[in-house]
Amino acid sequence: MKATKLRPFVPSGADYELAQRFFKELGFECILSVQDISIFRLSEQEFILQNYSNQSFQDNYMMDLIVDDLDAWWTHIQAIMESGQFPTIRAKEPTVFPWGRRELHLIDPAGVCWHLAEG
């Protein structure tokens, strides 16, 4: 699995450690963690996870992730959800939109919405 596009910043919400564990479980590598900031990498893409909680901000924040195999991601996300480790995550199976883009929507432990699409 690889990512080809990713925004640079994700707020962690109220539970920074849970957010860190979630992104590691998704397959991101934590390449640096200092105080309230961690840098995660997947393929050539990196983002900063910051220990920051502002619910109105998080509820309106969206991450775009372009992946090479949306079905593989969906299978992996389903397994994470079934494990029960992250009870607050929500995901919807891949959907084909009228304009032809196929996406998977995921709400992470911080309440941030991720749009995963094949690219």
PDB file of N, CA and C in Angstrom:
ATOM      1  N   MET A   1       0.848  -1.169   0.000  1.00  0.00           N
ATOM      2  CA  MET A   1       0.000   0.000   0.000  1.00  0.00           C
ATOM      3  C   MET A   1       0.893   1.232   0.000  1.00  0.00           C
ATOM      4  N   LYS A   2       0.473   2.232  -0.720  1.00  0.00           N
ATOM      5  CA  LYS A   2       1.254   3.463  -0.729  1.00  0.00           C
ATOM      6  C   LYS A   2       0.320   4.657  -0.798  1.00  0.00           C
ATOM      7  N   ALA A   3       0.828   5.779  -0.346  1.00  0.00           N
ATOM      8  CA  ALA A   3       0.083   7.035  -0.411  1.00  0.00           C
ATOM      9  C   ALA A   3       0.797   7.950  -1.379  1.00  0.00           C
ATOM     10  N   THR A   4       0.041   8.688  -2.165  1.00  0.00           N
ATOM     11  CA  THR A   4       0.672   9.593  -3.116  1.00  0.00           C
ATOM     12  C   THR A   4       0.308  11.049  -2.860  1.00  0.00           C
ATOM     13  N   LYS A   5      -0.628  11.290  -1.945  1.00  0.00           N
ATOM     14  CA  LYS A   5      -1.014  12.663  -1.631  1.00  0.00           C
ATOM     15  C   LYS A   5      -1.539  12.688  -0.208  1.00  0.00           C
ATOM     16  N   LEU A   6      -1.081  13.640   0.582  1.00  0.00           N
ATOM     17  CA  LEU A   6      -1.498  13.690   1.967  1.00  0.00           C
ATOM     18  C   LEU A   6      -1.299  15.094   2.510  1.00  0.00           C
ATOM     19  N   ARG A   7      -2.296  15.621   3.203  1.00  0.00           N
ATOM     20  CA  ARG A   7      -2.135  16.925   3.850  1.00  0.00           C
ATOM     21  C   ARG A   7      -1.102  16.812   4.966  1.00  0.00           C
ATOM     22  N   PRO A   8      -0.485  17.930   5.343  1.00  0.00           N
ATOM     23  CA  PRO A   8       0.642  17.831   6.267  1.00  0.00           C
ATOM     24  C   PRO A   8       0.323  17.801   7.754  1.00  0.00           C
ATOM     25  N   PHE A   9      -0.915  18.027   8.193  1.00  0.00           N
ATOM     26  CA  PHE A   9      -1.179  18.171   9.621  1.00  0.00           C
ATOM     27  C   PHE A   9      -2.465  17.477  10.018  1.00  0.00           C
ATOM     28  N   VAL A  10      -2.426  16.761  11.136  1.00  0.00           N
ATOM     29  CA  VAL A  10      -3.614  16.109  11.682  1.00  0.00           C
ATOM     30  C   VAL A  10      -3.673  16.414  13.175  1.00  0.00           C
ATOM     31  N   PRO A  11      -4.795  16.956  13.677  1.00  0.00           N
ATOM     32  CA  PRO A  11      -4.933  17.144  15.121  1.00  0.00           C
ATOM     33  C   PRO A  11      -5.241  15.803  15.782  1.00  0.00           C
ATOM     34  N   SER A  12      -4.717  15.568  16.977  1.00  0.00           N
ATOM     35  CA  SER A  12      -4.870  14.257  17.617  1.00  0.00           C
ATOM     36  C   SER A  12      -6.161  14.095  18.393  1.00  0.00           C
ATOM     37  N   GLY A  13      -6.804  15.172  18.731  1.00  0.00           N
ATOM     38  CA  GLY A  13      -7.972  15.054  19.592  1.00  0.00           C
ATOM     39  C   GLY A  13      -7.560  14.888  21.034  1.00  0.00           C
ATOM     40  N   ALA A  14      -8.466  14.383  21.840  1.00  0.00           N
ATOM     41  CA  ALA A  14      -8.228  14.299  23.276  1.00  0.00           C
ATOM     42  C   ALA A  14      -7.245  13.203  23.659  1.00  0.00           C
ATOM     43  N   ASP A  15      -7.015  12.226  22.808  1.00  0.00           N
ATOM     44  CA  ASP A  15      -6.148  11.104  23.159  1.00  0.00           C
ATOM     45  C   ASP A  15      -5.029  10.949  22.135  1.00  0.00           C
ATOM     46  N   TYR A  16      -3.931  11.628  22.400  1.00  0.00           N
ATOM     47  CA  TYR A  16      -2.772  11.648  21.507  1.00  0.00           C
ATOM     48  C   TYR A  16      -2.193  10.245  21.308  1.00  0.00           C
ATOM     49  N   GLU A  17      -2.052   9.488  22.420  1.00  0.00           N
ATOM     50  CA  GLU A  17      -1.478   8.139  22.318  1.00  0.00           C
ATOM     51  C   GLU A  17      -2.369   7.214  21.479  1.00  0.00           C
ATOM     52  N   LEU A  18      -3.681   7.335  21.636  1.00  0.00           N
ATOM     53  CA  LEU A  18      -4.598   6.521  20.840  1.00  0.00           C
ATOM     54  C   LEU A  18      -4.454   6.860  19.354  1.00  0.00           C
ATOM     55  N   ALA A  19      -4.371   8.147  19.044  1.00  0.00           N
ATOM     56  CA  ALA A  19      -4.196   8.556  17.652  1.00  0.00           C
ATOM     57  C   ALA A  19      -2.882   8.019  17.093  1.00  0.00           C
ATOM     58  N   GLN A  20      -1.809   8.067  17.887  1.00  0.00           N
ATOM     59  CA  GLN A  20      -0.522   7.518  17.443  1.00  0.00           C
ATOM     60  C   GLN A  20      -0.652   6.022  17.142  1.00  0.00           C
ATOM     61  N   ARG A  21      -1.264   5.283  18.052  1.00  0.00           N
ATOM     62  CA  ARG A  21      -1.433   3.840  17.849  1.00  0.00           C
ATOM     63  C   ARG A  21      -2.277   3.550  16.617  1.00  0.00           C
ATOM     64  N   PHE A  22      -3.320   4.355  16.403  1.00  0.00           N
ATOM     65  CA  PHE A  22      -4.190   4.154  15.246  1.00  0.00           C
ATOM     66  C   PHE A  22      -3.413   4.307  13.941  1.00  0.00           C
ATOM     67  N   PHE A  23      -2.629   5.356  13.814  1.00  0.00           N
ATOM     68  CA  PHE A  23      -1.896   5.562  12.565  1.00  0.00           C
ATOM     69  C   PHE A  23      -0.825   4.497  12.355  1.00  0.00           C
ATOM     70  N   LYS A  24      -0.217   4.024  13.426  1.00  0.00           N
ATOM     71  CA  LYS A  24       0.729   2.909  13.293  1.00  0.00           C
ATOM     72  C   LYS A  24       0.000   1.653  12.817  1.00  0.00           C
ATOM     73  N   GLU A  25      -1.186   1.409  13.370  1.00  0.00           N
ATOM     74  CA  GLU A  25      -1.989   0.250  12.970  1.00  0.00           C
ATOM     75  C   GLU A  25      -2.407   0.346  11.502  1.00  0.00           C
ATOM     76  N   LEU A  26      -2.649   1.568  11.028  1.00  0.00           N
ATOM     77  CA  LEU A  26      -2.991   1.753   9.607  1.00  0.00           C
ATOM     78  C   LEU A  26      -1.808   1.454   8.685  1.00  0.00           C
ATOM     79  N   GLY A  27      -0.594   1.500   9.231  1.00  0.00           N
ATOM     80  CA  GLY A  27       0.578   1.209   8.415  1.00  0.00           C
ATOM     81  C   GLY A  27       1.537   2.371   8.271  1.00  0.00           C
ATOM     82  N   PHE A  28       1.243   3.494   8.929  1.00  0.00           N
ATOM     83  CA  PHE A  28       2.161   4.625   8.909  1.00  0.00           C
ATOM     84  C   PHE A  28       3.328   4.349   9.847  1.00  0.00           C
ATOM     85  N   GLU A  29       4.506   4.806   9.486  1.00  0.00           N
ATOM     86  CA  GLU A  29       5.697   4.672  10.314  1.00  0.00           C
ATOM     87  C   GLU A  29       5.918   5.987  11.056  1.00  0.00           C
ATOM     88  N   CYS A  30       6.113   5.914  12.374  1.00  0.00           N
ATOM     89  CA  CYS A  30       6.437   7.108  13.151  1.00  0.00           C
ATOM     90  C   CYS A  30       7.938   7.331  13.028  1.00  0.00           C
ATOM     91  N   ILE A  31       8.332   8.395  12.329  1.00  0.00           N
ATOM     92  CA  ILE A  31       9.760   8.631  12.097  1.00  0.00           C
ATOM     93  C   ILE A  31      10.361   9.610  13.098  1.00  0.00           C
ATOM     94  N   LEU A  32       9.513  10.318  13.850  1.00  0.00           N
ATOM     95  CA  LEU A  32       9.995  11.246  14.871  1.00  0.00           C
ATOM     96  C   LEU A  32       8.866  11.543  15.840  1.00  0.00           C
ATOM     97  N   SER A  33       9.182  11.539  17.124  1.00  0.00           N
ATOM     98  CA  SER A  33       8.196  11.905  18.125  1.00  0.00           C
ATOM     99  C   SER A  33       8.895  12.741  19.188  1.00  0.00           C
ATOM    100  N   VAL A  34       8.495  14.013  19.290  1.00  0.00           N
ATOM    101  CA  VAL A  34       9.097  14.938  20.243  1.00  0.00           C
ATOM    102  C   VAL A  34       7.975  15.690  20.943  1.00  0.00           C
ATOM    103  N   GLN A  35       7.899  15.572  22.260  1.00  0.00           N
ATOM    104  CA  GLN A  35       6.876  16.223  23.076  1.00  0.00           C
ATOM    105  C   GLN A  35       5.482  15.962  22.502  1.00  0.00           C
ATOM    106  N   ASP A  36       4.833  16.974  21.979  1.00  0.00           N
ATOM    107  CA  ASP A  36       3.451  16.848  21.515  1.00  0.00           C
ATOM    108  C   ASP A  36       3.319  16.761  20.000  1.00  0.00           C
ATOM    109  N   ILE A  37       4.393  16.354  19.333  1.00  0.00           N
ATOM    110  CA  ILE A  37       4.370  16.267  17.867  1.00  0.00           C
ATOM    111  C   ILE A  37       5.000  14.952  17.428  1.00  0.00           C
ATOM    112  N   SER A  38       4.351  14.277  16.508  1.00  0.00           N
ATOM    113  CA  SER A  38       4.918  13.072  15.886  1.00  0.00           C
ATOM    114  C   SER A  38       4.825  13.234  14.381  1.00  0.00           C
ATOM    115  N   ILE A  39       5.832  12.752  13.696  1.00  0.00           N
ATOM    116  CA  ILE A  39       5.818  12.773  12.236  1.00  0.00           C
ATOM    117  C   ILE A  39       5.660  11.336  11.752  1.00  0.00           C
ATOM    118  N   PHE A  40       4.646  11.138  10.909  1.00  0.00           N
ATOM    119  CA  PHE A  40       4.355   9.822  10.356  1.00  0.00           C
ATOM    120  C   PHE A  40       4.624   9.811   8.863  1.00  0.00           C
ATOM    121  N   ARG A  41       5.043   8.655   8.373  1.00  0.00           N
ATOM    122  CA  ARG A  41       5.337   8.506   6.946  1.00  0.00           C
ATOM    123  C   ARG A  41       4.677   7.239   6.420  1.00  0.00           C
ATOM    124  N   LEU A  42       4.165   7.364   5.205  1.00  0.00           N
ATOM    125  CA  LEU A  42       3.663   6.220   4.450  1.00  0.00           C
ATOM    126  C   LEU A  42       4.143   6.420   3.028  1.00  0.00           C
ATOM    127  N   SER A  43       4.937   5.507   2.537  1.00  0.00           N
ATOM    128  CA  SER A  43       5.584   5.662   1.229  1.00  0.00           C
ATOM    129  C   SER A  43       6.394   6.950   1.250  1.00  0.00           C
ATOM    130  N   GLU A  44       6.117   7.829   0.323  1.00  0.00           N
ATOM    131  CA  GLU A  44       6.857   9.091   0.240  1.00  0.00           C
ATOM    132  C   GLU A  44       6.132  10.235   0.946  1.00  0.00           C
ATOM    133  N   GLN A  45       4.961   9.967   1.516  1.00  0.00           N
ATOM    134  CA  GLN A  45       4.156  11.025   2.114  1.00  0.00           C
ATOM    135  C   GLN A  45       4.342  11.077   3.626  1.00  0.00           C
ATOM    136  N   GLU A  46       4.383  12.284   4.158  1.00  0.00           N
ATOM    137  CA  GLU A  46       4.525  12.480   5.589  1.00  0.00           C
ATOM    138  C   GLU A  46       3.458  13.443   6.088  1.00  0.00           C
ATOM    139  N   PHE A  47       3.086  13.288   7.356  1.00  0.00           N
ATOM    140  CA  PHE A  47       2.223  14.273   7.993  1.00  0.00           C
ATOM    141  C   PHE A  47       2.624  14.403   9.452  1.00  0.00           C
ATOM    142  N   ILE A  48       2.246  15.531  10.030  1.00  0.00           N
ATOM    143  CA  ILE A  48       2.526  15.806  11.431  1.00  0.00           C
ATOM    144  C   ILE A  48       1.249  15.558  12.229  1.00  0.00           C
ATOM    145  N   LEU A  49       1.369  14.730  13.264  1.00  0.00           N
ATOM    146  CA  LEU A  49       0.280  14.538  14.216  1.00  0.00           C
ATOM    147  C   LEU A  49       0.614  15.409  15.419  1.00  0.00           C
ATOM    148  N   GLN A  50      -0.267  16.338  15.728  1.00  0.00           N
ATOM    149  CA  GLN A  50      -0.015  17.248  16.841  1.00  0.00           C
ATOM    150  C   GLN A  50      -1.006  16.989  17.962  1.00  0.00           C
ATOM    151  N   ASN A  51      -0.510  17.012  19.190  1.00  0.00           N
ATOM    152  CA  ASN A  51      -1.361  16.833  20.358  1.00  0.00           C
ATOM    153  C   ASN A  51      -2.177  18.110  20.520  1.00  0.00           C
ATOM    154  N   TYR A  52      -3.290  18.136  19.826  1.00  0.00           N
ATOM    155  CA  TYR A  52      -4.123  19.333  19.731  1.00  0.00           C
ATOM    156  C   TYR A  52      -5.568  18.898  19.742  1.00  0.00           C
ATOM    157  N   SER A  53      -6.355  19.513  20.583  1.00  0.00           N
ATOM    158  CA  SER A  53      -7.757  19.128  20.655  1.00  0.00           C
ATOM    159  C   SER A  53      -8.650  20.358  20.593  1.00  0.00           C
ATOM    160  N   ASN A  54      -9.429  20.431  19.542  1.00  0.00           N
ATOM    161  CA  ASN A  54     -10.436  21.477  19.363  1.00  0.00           C
ATOM    162  C   ASN A  54     -11.530  20.831  18.534  1.00  0.00           C
ATOM    163  N   GLN A  55     -12.592  20.382  19.202  1.00  0.00           N
ATOM    164  CA  GLN A  55     -13.599  19.566  18.537  1.00  0.00           C
ATOM    165  C   GLN A  55     -14.210  20.242  17.316  1.00  0.00           C
ATOM    166  N   SER A  56     -14.488  21.539  17.391  1.00  0.00           N
ATOM    167  CA  SER A  56     -15.103  22.186  16.231  1.00  0.00           C
ATOM    168  C   SER A  56     -14.137  22.207  15.049  1.00  0.00           C
ATOM    169  N   PHE A  57     -12.840  22.318  15.326  1.00  0.00           N
ATOM    170  CA  PHE A  57     -11.841  22.276  14.259  1.00  0.00           C
ATOM    171  C   PHE A  57     -11.753  20.871  13.676  1.00  0.00           C
ATOM    172  N   GLN A  58     -11.658  19.875  14.559  1.00  0.00           N
ATOM    173  CA  GLN A  58     -11.514  18.497  14.106  1.00  0.00           C
ATOM    174  C   GLN A  58     -12.714  18.046  13.287  1.00  0.00           C
ATOM    175  N   ASP A  59     -13.903  18.417  13.725  1.00  0.00           N
ATOM    176  CA  ASP A  59     -15.110  17.996  13.010  1.00  0.00           C
ATOM    177  C   ASP A  59     -15.203  18.593  11.612  1.00  0.00           C
ATOM    178  N   ASN A  60     -14.451  19.635  11.361  1.00  0.00           N
ATOM    179  CA  ASN A  60     -14.471  20.293  10.052  1.00  0.00           C
ATOM    180  C   ASN A  60     -13.182  20.086   9.279  1.00  0.00           C
ATOM    181  N   TYR A  61     -12.339  19.163   9.728  1.00  0.00           N
ATOM    182  CA  TYR A  61     -11.051  18.931   9.100  1.00  0.00           C
ATOM    183  C   TYR A  61     -11.131  17.671   8.247  1.00  0.00           C
ATOM    184  N   MET A  62     -10.565  17.704   7.070  1.00  0.00           N
ATOM    185  CA  MET A  62     -10.610  16.556   6.178  1.00  0.00           C
ATOM    186  C   MET A  62      -9.210  16.261   5.644  1.00  0.00           C
ATOM    187  N   MET A  63      -8.874  14.995   5.611  1.00  0.00           N
ATOM    188  CA  MET A  63      -7.606  14.549   5.050  1.00  0.00           C
ATOM    189  C   MET A  63      -7.892  13.811   3.748  1.00  0.00           C
ATOM    190  N   ASP A  64      -7.110  14.103   2.727  1.00  0.00           N
ATOM    191  CA  ASP A  64      -7.188  13.363   1.462  1.00  0.00           C
ATOM    192  C   ASP A  64      -5.981  12.447   1.380  1.00  0.00           C
ATOM    193  N   LEU A  65      -6.228  11.196   1.117  1.00  0.00           N
ATOM    194  CA  LEU A  65      -5.157  10.221   0.963  1.00  0.00           C
ATOM    195  C   LEU A  65      -5.406   9.461  -0.332  1.00  0.00           C
ATOM    196  N   ILE A  66      -4.488   9.569  -1.271  1.00  0.00           N
ATOM    197  CA  ILE A  66      -4.577   8.835  -2.527  1.00  0.00           C
ATOM    198  C   ILE A  66      -3.751   7.567  -2.368  1.00  0.00           C
ATOM    199  N   VAL A  67      -4.388   6.427  -2.609  1.00  0.00           N
ATOM    200  CA  VAL A  67      -3.745   5.134  -2.389  1.00  0.00           C
ATOM    201  C   VAL A  67      -3.745   4.323  -3.685  1.00  0.00           C
ATOM    202  N   ASP A  68      -2.909   3.293  -3.720  1.00  0.00           N
ATOM    203  CA  ASP A  68      -2.810   2.486  -4.932  1.00  0.00           C
ATOM    204  C   ASP A  68      -3.859   1.385  -5.002  1.00  0.00           C
ATOM    205  N   ASP A  69      -4.383   0.914  -3.863  1.00  0.00           N
ATOM    206  CA  ASP A  69      -5.344  -0.185  -3.860  1.00  0.00           C
ATOM    207  C   ASP A  69      -6.392   0.057  -2.773  1.00  0.00           C
ATOM    208  N   LEU A  70      -7.498   0.659  -3.137  1.00  0.00           N
ATOM    209  CA  LEU A  70      -8.549   1.016  -2.174  1.00  0.00           C
ATOM    210  C   LEU A  70      -9.155  -0.224  -1.522  1.00  0.00           C
ATOM    211  N   ASP A  71      -9.276  -1.307  -2.262  1.00  0.00           N
ATOM    212  CA  ASP A  71      -9.850  -2.534  -1.694  1.00  0.00           C
ATOM    213  C   ASP A  71      -8.959  -3.108  -0.598  1.00  0.00           C
ATOM    214  N   ALA A  72      -7.645  -3.055  -0.783  1.00  0.00           N
ATOM    215  CA  ALA A  72      -6.715  -3.532   0.246  1.00  0.00           C
ATOM    216  C   ALA A  72      -6.829  -2.672   1.502  1.00  0.00           C
ATOM    217  N   TRP A  73      -6.951  -1.367   1.329  1.00  0.00           N
ATOM    218  CA  TRP A  73      -7.134  -0.473   2.471  1.00  0.00           C
ATOM    219  C   TRP A  73      -8.435  -0.792   3.190  1.00  0.00           C
ATOM    220  N   TRP A  74      -9.512  -1.012   2.448  1.00  0.00           N
ATOM    221  CA  TRP A  74     -10.804  -1.313   3.060  1.00  0.00           C
ATOM    222  C   TRP A  74     -10.724  -2.599   3.885  1.00  0.00           C
ATOM    223  N   THR A  75     -10.076  -3.614   3.346  1.00  0.00           N
ATOM    224  CA  THR A  75      -9.909  -4.875   4.064  1.00  0.00           C
ATOM    225  C   THR A  75      -9.128  -4.649   5.362  1.00  0.00           C
ATOM    226  N   HIS A  76      -8.066  -3.865   5.276  1.00  0.00           N
ATOM    227  CA  HIS A  76      -7.241  -3.574   6.446  1.00  0.00           C
ATOM    228  C   HIS A  76      -8.029  -2.774   7.490  1.00  0.00           C
ATOM    229  N   ILE A  77      -8.770  -1.777   7.058  1.00  0.00           N
ATOM    230  CA  ILE A  77      -9.562  -0.953   7.972  1.00  0.00           C
ATOM    231  C   ILE A  77     -10.661  -1.785   8.636  1.00  0.00           C
ATOM    232  N   GLN A  78     -11.293  -2.667   7.885  1.00  0.00           N
ATOM    233  CA  GLN A  78     -12.312  -3.553   8.472  1.00  0.00           C
ATOM    234  C   GLN A  78     -11.701  -4.405   9.581  1.00  0.00           C
ATOM    235  N   ALA A  79     -10.507  -4.934   9.353  1.00  0.00           N
ATOM    236  CA  ALA A  79      -9.837  -5.757  10.364  1.00  0.00           C
ATOM    237  C   ALA A  79      -9.535  -4.931  11.613  1.00  0.00           C
ATOM    238  N   ILE A  80      -9.108  -3.683  11.435  1.00  0.00           N
ATOM    239  CA  ILE A  80      -8.840  -2.803  12.580  1.00  0.00           C
ATOM    240  C   ILE A  80     -10.133  -2.548  13.349  1.00  0.00           C
ATOM    241  N   MET A  81     -11.212  -2.292  12.632  1.00  0.00           N
ATOM    242  CA  MET A  81     -12.490  -2.026  13.296  1.00  0.00           C
ATOM    243  C   MET A  81     -12.971  -3.263  14.061  1.00  0.00           C
ATOM    244  N   GLU A  82     -12.825  -4.422  13.476  1.00  0.00           N
ATOM    245  CA  GLU A  82     -13.272  -5.662  14.116  1.00  0.00           C
ATOM    246  C   GLU A  82     -12.434  -6.018  15.335  1.00  0.00           C
ATOM    247  N   SER A  83     -11.187  -5.520  15.400  1.00  0.00           N
ATOM    248  CA  SER A  83     -10.317  -5.824  16.536  1.00  0.00           C
ATOM    249  C   SER A  83     -10.812  -5.178  17.827  1.00  0.00           C
ATOM    250  N   GLY A  84     -11.599  -4.107  17.705  1.00  0.00           N
ATOM    251  CA  GLY A  84     -12.119  -3.424  18.881  1.00  0.00           C
ATOM    252  C   GLY A  84     -11.128  -2.504  19.575  1.00  0.00           C
ATOM    253  N   GLN A  85      -9.922  -2.369  19.042  1.00  0.00           N
ATOM    254  CA  GLN A  85      -8.900  -1.508  19.657  1.00  0.00           C
ATOM    255  C   GLN A  85      -9.252  -0.029  19.581  1.00  0.00           C
ATOM    256  N   PHE A  86     -10.009   0.338  18.570  1.00  0.00           N
ATOM    257  CA  PHE A  86     -10.322   1.740  18.316  1.00  0.00           C
ATOM    258  C   PHE A  86     -11.842   1.877  18.138  1.00  0.00           C
ATOM    259  N   PRO A  87     -12.588   1.826  19.240  1.00  0.00           N
ATOM    260  CA  PRO A  87     -14.054   1.783  19.134  1.00  0.00           C
ATOM    261  C   PRO A  87     -14.682   3.043  18.543  1.00  0.00           C
ATOM    262  N   THR A  88     -13.958   4.152  18.515  1.00  0.00           N
ATOM    263  CA  THR A  88     -14.561   5.391  18.016  1.00  0.00           C
ATOM    264  C   THR A  88     -14.393   5.596  16.515  1.00  0.00           C
ATOM    265  N   ILE A  89     -13.587   4.755  15.843  1.00  0.00           N
ATOM    266  CA  ILE A  89     -13.435   4.969  14.400  1.00  0.00           C
ATOM    267  C   ILE A  89     -14.679   4.474  13.674  1.00  0.00           C
ATOM    268  N   ARG A  90     -14.973   5.159  12.593  1.00  0.00           N
ATOM    269  CA  ARG A  90     -16.100   4.778  11.748  1.00  0.00           C
ATOM    270  C   ARG A  90     -15.620   4.809  10.302  1.00  0.00           C
ATOM    271  N   ALA A  91     -16.132   3.892   9.528  1.00  0.00           N
ATOM    272  CA  ALA A  91     -15.744   3.859   8.116  1.00  0.00           C
ATOM    273  C   ALA A  91     -16.916   3.383   7.280  1.00  0.00           C
ATOM    274  N   LYS A  92     -16.930   3.849   6.064  1.00  0.00           N
ATOM    275  CA  LYS A  92     -17.956   3.447   5.112  1.00  0.00           C
ATOM    276  C   LYS A  92     -17.253   2.792   3.935  1.00  0.00           C
ATOM    277  N   GLU A  93     -17.780   1.676   3.480  1.00  0.00           N
ATOM    278  CA  GLU A  93     -17.160   0.942   2.383  1.00  0.00           C
ATOM    279  C   GLU A  93     -16.990   1.841   1.157  1.00  0.00           C
ATOM    280  N   PRO A  94     -16.061   1.477   0.286  1.00  0.00           N
ATOM    281  CA  PRO A  94     -15.814   2.290  -0.904  1.00  0.00           C
ATOM    282  C   PRO A  94     -17.084   2.553  -1.707  1.00  0.00           C
ATOM    283  N   THR A  95     -17.217   3.783  -2.150  1.00  0.00           N
ATOM    284  CA  THR A  95     -18.370   4.249  -2.908  1.00  0.00           C
ATOM    285  C   THR A  95     -17.897   4.850  -4.221  1.00  0.00           C
ATOM    286  N   VAL A  96     -18.612   4.571  -5.293  1.00  0.00           N
ATOM    287  CA  VAL A  96     -18.334   5.213  -6.572  1.00  0.00           C
ATOM    288  C   VAL A  96     -19.287   6.386  -6.712  1.00  0.00           C
ATOM    289  N   PHE A  97     -18.727   7.578  -6.852  1.00  0.00           N
ATOM    290  CA  PHE A  97     -19.543   8.778  -6.978  1.00  0.00           C
ATOM    291  C   PHE A  97     -19.909   9.015  -8.441  1.00  0.00           C
ATOM    292  N   PRO A  98     -20.987   9.768  -8.697  1.00  0.00           N
ATOM    293  CA  PRO A  98     -21.446   9.999 -10.070  1.00  0.00           C
ATOM    294  C   PRO A  98     -20.369  10.567 -10.999  1.00  0.00           C
ATOM    295  N   TRP A  99     -19.424  11.278 -10.439  1.00  0.00           N
ATOM    296  CA  TRP A  99     -18.370  11.862 -11.276  1.00  0.00           C
ATOM    297  C   TRP A  99     -17.213  10.887 -11.498  1.00  0.00           C
ATOM    298  N   GLY A 100     -17.363   9.623 -11.011  1.00  0.00           N
ATOM    299  CA  GLY A 100     -16.417   8.571 -11.322  1.00  0.00           C
ATOM    300  C   GLY A 100     -15.348   8.305 -10.288  1.00  0.00           C
ATOM    301  N   ARG A 101     -15.220   9.147  -9.295  1.00  0.00           N
ATOM    302  CA  ARG A 101     -14.190   8.936  -8.273  1.00  0.00           C
ATOM    303  C   ARG A 101     -14.697   7.919  -7.255  1.00  0.00           C
ATOM    304  N   ARG A 102     -13.861   6.971  -6.936  1.00  0.00           N
ATOM    305  CA  ARG A 102     -14.178   5.946  -5.938  1.00  0.00           C
ATOM    306  C   ARG A 102     -13.465   6.311  -4.640  1.00  0.00           C
ATOM    307  N   GLU A 103     -14.225   6.428  -3.542  1.00  0.00           N
ATOM    308  CA  GLU A 103     -13.659   6.855  -2.271  1.00  0.00           C
ATOM    309  C   GLU A 103     -14.121   5.963  -1.125  1.00  0.00           C
ATOM    310  N   LEU A 104     -13.307   5.964  -0.095  1.00  0.00           N
ATOM    311  CA  LEU A 104     -13.609   5.329   1.174  1.00  0.00           C
ATOM    312  C   LEU A 104     -13.529   6.433   2.223  1.00  0.00           C
ATOM    313  N   HIS A 105     -14.538   6.561   3.063  1.00  0.00           N
ATOM    314  CA  HIS A 105     -14.538   7.589   4.093  1.00  0.00           C
ATOM    315  C   HIS A 105     -14.318   6.943   5.454  1.00  0.00           C
ATOM    316  N   LEU A 106     -13.448   7.567   6.242  1.00  0.00           N
ATOM    317  CA  LEU A 106     -13.065   7.057   7.546  1.00  0.00           C
ATOM    318  C   LEU A 106     -13.018   8.218   8.527  1.00  0.00           C
ATOM    319  N   ILE A 107     -13.584   8.033   9.715  1.00  0.00           N
ATOM    320  CA  ILE A 107     -13.453   8.997  10.802  1.00  0.00           C
ATOM    321  C   ILE A 107     -12.463   8.394  11.794  1.00  0.00           C
ATOM    322  N   ASP A 108     -11.341   9.096  12.024  1.00  0.00           N
ATOM    323  CA  ASP A 108     -10.304   8.563  12.909  1.00  0.00           C
ATOM    324  C   ASP A 108     -10.642   8.815  14.380  1.00  0.00           C
ATOM    325  N   PRO A 109      -9.805   8.336  15.320  1.00  0.00           N
ATOM    326  CA  PRO A 109     -10.116   8.509  16.746  1.00  0.00           C
ATOM    327  C   PRO A 109     -10.275   9.963  17.191  1.00  0.00           C
ATOM    328  N   ALA A 110      -9.702  10.909  16.467  1.00  0.00           N
ATOM    329  CA  ALA A 110      -9.810  12.330  16.830  1.00  0.00           C
ATOM    330  C   ALA A 110     -11.057  12.978  16.244  1.00  0.00           C
ATOM    331  N   GLY A 111     -11.780  12.266  15.379  1.00  0.00           N
ATOM    332  CA  GLY A 111     -12.949  12.840  14.735  1.00  0.00           C
ATOM    333  C   GLY A 111     -12.642  13.473  13.388  1.00  0.00           C
ATOM    334  N   VAL A 112     -11.414  13.305  12.910  1.00  0.00           N
ATOM    335  CA  VAL A 112     -11.019  13.852  11.614  1.00  0.00           C
ATOM    336  C   VAL A 112     -11.497  12.905  10.513  1.00  0.00           C
ATOM    337  N   CYS A 113     -12.076  13.469   9.457  1.00  0.00           N
ATOM    338  CA  CYS A 113     -12.580  12.688   8.334  1.00  0.00           C
ATOM    339  C   CYS A 113     -11.478  12.488   7.298  1.00  0.00           C
ATOM    340  N   TRP A 114     -11.247  11.250   6.916  1.00  0.00           N
ATOM    341  CA  TRP A 114     -10.284  10.898   5.880  1.00  0.00           C
ATOM    342  C   TRP A 114     -11.054  10.475   4.638  1.00  0.00           C
ATOM    343  N   HIS A 115     -10.637  10.973   3.495  1.00  0.00           N
ATOM    344  CA  HIS A 115     -11.164  10.534   2.204  1.00  0.00           C
ATOM    345  C   HIS A 115     -10.024   9.790   1.510  1.00  0.00           C
ATOM    346  N   LEU A 116     -10.176   8.491   1.355  1.00  0.00           N
ATOM    347  CA  LEU A 116      -9.190   7.681   0.667  1.00  0.00           C
ATOM    348  C   LEU A 116      -9.713   7.407  -0.734  1.00  0.00           C
ATOM    349  N   ALA A 117      -8.872   7.624  -1.718  1.00  0.00           N
ATOM    350  CA  ALA A 117      -9.263   7.394  -3.106  1.00  0.00           C
ATOM    351  C   ALA A 117      -8.114   6.761  -3.857  1.00  0.00           C
ATOM    352  N   GLU A 118      -8.458   6.003  -4.895  1.00  0.00           N
ATOM    353  CA  GLU A 118      -7.410   5.395  -5.734  1.00  0.00           C
ATOM    354  C   GLU A 118      -6.853   6.449  -6.673  1.00  0.00           C
ATOM    355  N   GLY A 119      -5.568   6.343  -6.903  1.00  0.00           N
ATOM    356  CA  GLY A 119      -4.965   7.310  -7.804  1.00  0.00           C
ATOM    357  C   GLY A 119      -3.796   6.751  -8.548  1.00  0.00           C
TER     358      GLY A 119
END
